[in-house]
Amino acid sequence: MENRHEVELRWRHRVHPLYAISVIGFIVVLTLIGLKKGQFQPVHRATMLLAALGLAYGLLVQLVNQTRVVLFEQGLRIAHGPLPWRGGVAVPLDQIRSLGCDRHSRRLILRTVLGEDIVLAENLPAAGLLAIDARIRERLGVAQAK
């Protein structure tokens, strides 16, 4: 059986209720204007509907998605879901030089043996990032990034 350590961080903390209400209102207005015939050209209406769809997806992602940090025997994997989102990464353990949590930017940063910096997670709760940082460094025995 594989030795795994997993931490899940929900994104919901980032959505302020007033922000959500404002975005929903804007989505409704764009949708109503986009569906009304005669006021705008079809290309403009289509653009408004696509913008409303993009805003709706962005809000939904913030409400339901989470970042999953999985440390297993072969490496470290960061995945975002359940809705598709960019930023997933997998790094073999032998390629990790250091790992650190920047409290000011709320980023978990991994430095590879080649000197490449990879931002594993950002804009997540500081306590969650510190917990991930401590657990992974303890498991890996890697140095904390400066």
Protein backbone atom coordinates (compact mmCIF):
# COMPACT_ATOMS: atom_id res chain seq x y z
CA MET A 1 0.00 0.00 0.00
CA GLU A 2 1.25 3.42 -0.93
CA ASN A 3 2.16 5.85 1.86
CA ARG A 4 0.17 9.03 1.08
CA HIS A 5 -0.34 12.33 2.80
CA GLU A 6 -3.15 14.49 1.48
CA VAL A 7 -4.35 17.99 2.34
CA GLU A 8 -7.44 19.58 0.82
CA LEU A 9 -8.06 23.32 0.90
CA ARG A 10 -11.45 24.69 -0.11
CA TRP A 11 -11.60 27.89 -2.15
CA ARG A 12 -14.94 29.02 -0.70
CA HIS A 13 -13.26 31.33 1.82
CA ARG A 14 -12.38 33.70 -1.02
CA VAL A 15 -15.98 34.47 -1.99
CA HIS A 16 -17.48 37.34 -0.06
CA PRO A 17 -21.32 37.27 -0.13
CA LEU A 18 -21.57 40.82 -1.51
CA TYR A 19 -19.13 39.90 -4.27
CA ALA A 20 -21.19 36.83 -5.16
CA ILE A 21 -24.43 38.83 -5.22
CA SER A 22 -22.83 41.51 -7.40
CA VAL A 23 -21.48 38.95 -9.88
CA ILE A 24 -24.83 37.16 -10.04
CA GLY A 25 -26.56 40.48 -10.71
CA PHE A 26 -24.11 41.28 -13.49
CA ILE A 27 -24.63 37.80 -14.98
CA VAL A 28 -28.41 38.33 -14.97
CA VAL A 29 -28.13 41.75 -16.64
CA LEU A 30 -25.73 40.49 -19.32
CA THR A 31 -27.95 37.49 -19.99
CA LEU A 32 -31.14 39.55 -20.27
CA ILE A 33 -29.50 42.07 -22.60
CA GLY A 34 -27.91 39.28 -24.62
CA LEU A 35 -31.22 37.50 -25.10
CA LYS A 36 -33.20 40.63 -26.06
CA LYS A 37 -33.49 40.94 -29.81
CA GLY A 38 -33.35 44.20 -31.71
CA GLN A 39 -31.24 46.29 -29.34
CA PHE A 40 -27.76 44.97 -30.26
CA GLN A 41 -26.18 43.21 -33.21
CA PRO A 42 -26.02 39.38 -32.90
CA VAL A 43 -22.24 39.46 -32.43
CA HIS A 44 -22.62 41.84 -29.47
CA ARG A 45 -25.37 39.74 -27.93
CA ALA A 46 -23.26 36.61 -28.32
CA THR A 47 -20.33 38.37 -26.65
CA MET A 48 -22.53 39.36 -23.70
CA LEU A 49 -23.82 35.80 -23.33
CA LEU A 50 -20.27 34.41 -23.43
CA ALA A 51 -19.17 36.96 -20.82
CA ALA A 52 -22.11 35.94 -18.60
CA LEU A 53 -21.16 32.29 -19.02
CA GLY A 54 -17.53 33.03 -18.12
CA LEU A 55 -18.53 34.98 -15.03
CA ALA A 56 -20.88 32.20 -13.94
CA TYR A 57 -18.17 29.56 -14.37
CA GLY A 58 -15.64 31.68 -12.46
CA LEU A 59 -18.02 32.18 -9.55
CA LEU A 60 -18.99 28.50 -9.51
CA VAL A 61 -15.33 27.46 -9.47
CA GLN A 62 -14.66 29.72 -6.48
CA LEU A 63 -17.62 28.23 -4.63
CA VAL A 64 -17.02 24.51 -5.21
CA ASN A 65 -13.36 23.95 -6.09
CA GLN A 66 -10.57 22.94 -3.77
CA THR A 67 -6.85 22.46 -4.05
CA ARG A 68 -5.58 19.00 -3.22
CA VAL A 69 -1.94 18.56 -2.23
CA VAL A 70 -0.92 14.90 -2.33
CA LEU A 71 2.45 13.68 -1.17
CA PHE A 72 3.17 10.08 -2.05
CA GLU A 73 6.26 7.89 -2.29
CA GLN A 74 7.11 8.91 -5.88
CA GLY A 75 6.38 12.61 -5.69
CA LEU A 76 4.20 15.58 -4.96
CA ARG A 77 1.00 16.37 -6.87
CA ILE A 78 -1.16 19.49 -6.81
CA ALA A 79 -4.62 19.26 -8.37
CA HIS A 80 -7.59 21.61 -8.49
CA GLY A 81 -11.14 20.37 -8.84
CA PRO A 82 -13.82 19.13 -9.17
CA LEU A 83 -14.31 21.72 -11.94
CA PRO A 84 -11.40 22.03 -14.38
CA TRP A 85 -8.90 24.75 -13.51
CA ARG A 86 -5.32 25.50 -14.50
CA GLY A 87 -2.33 25.05 -12.23
CA GLY A 88 -2.10 21.34 -11.55
CA VAL A 89 1.44 20.02 -11.28
CA ALA A 90 3.30 16.83 -10.40
CA VAL A 91 6.95 16.81 -9.29
CA PRO A 92 9.08 13.72 -8.54
CA LEU A 93 10.59 13.73 -5.02
CA ASP A 94 14.16 13.60 -6.31
CA GLN A 95 13.59 16.88 -8.18
CA ILE A 96 12.66 18.89 -5.06
CA ARG A 97 15.38 21.07 -3.55
CA SER A 98 13.31 23.23 -1.19
CA LEU A 99 9.78 24.06 -0.29
CA GLY A 100 8.48 27.15 1.45
CA CYS A 101 5.42 29.13 2.34
CA ASP A 102 5.42 32.88 1.76
CA ARG A 103 3.05 34.26 4.40
CA HIS A 104 2.67 37.65 2.73
CA SER A 105 1.62 36.44 -0.73
CA ARG A 106 0.06 33.23 0.66
CA ARG A 107 1.98 31.11 -1.83
CA LEU A 108 3.44 27.66 -1.43
CA ILE A 109 6.61 27.67 -3.54
CA LEU A 110 8.69 24.68 -4.57
CA ARG A 111 12.24 25.03 -5.89
CA THR A 112 13.54 22.22 -8.06
CA VAL A 113 17.13 20.97 -8.18
CA LEU A 114 17.44 22.82 -11.51
CA GLY A 115 16.62 26.12 -9.75
CA GLU A 116 13.12 26.49 -11.19
CA ASP A 117 10.52 28.00 -8.85
CA ILE A 118 7.04 26.47 -9.08
CA VAL A 119 4.11 28.11 -7.32
CA LEU A 120 2.13 25.15 -6.00
CA ALA A 121 -0.73 27.07 -4.43
CA GLU A 122 -1.65 30.70 -3.94
CA ASN A 123 -4.36 32.87 -2.40
CA LEU A 124 -5.24 30.12 0.03
CA PRO A 125 -5.71 30.47 3.79
CA ALA A 126 -2.40 31.19 5.51
CA ALA A 127 -3.02 28.51 8.15
CA GLY A 128 -3.65 25.92 5.44
CA LEU A 129 -0.50 26.83 3.54
CA LEU A 130 1.57 26.65 6.72
CA ALA A 131 0.10 23.23 7.53
CA ILE A 132 0.93 21.94 4.04
CA ASP A 133 4.39 23.47 4.21
CA ALA A 134 5.17 21.85 7.58
CA ARG A 135 3.75 18.44 6.67
CA ILE A 136 5.58 18.20 3.36
CA ARG A 137 8.91 19.43 4.72
CA GLU A 138 8.61 16.99 7.64
CA ARG A 139 7.86 14.10 5.29
CA LEU A 140 10.49 15.01 2.71
CA GLY A 141 13.17 16.41 4.95
CA VAL A 142 13.68 19.27 2.47
CA ALA A 143 14.96 22.69 3.39
CA GLN A 144 12.65 25.65 3.75
CA ALA A 145 12.89 28.08 0.83
CA LYS A 146 14.30 31.51 1.59
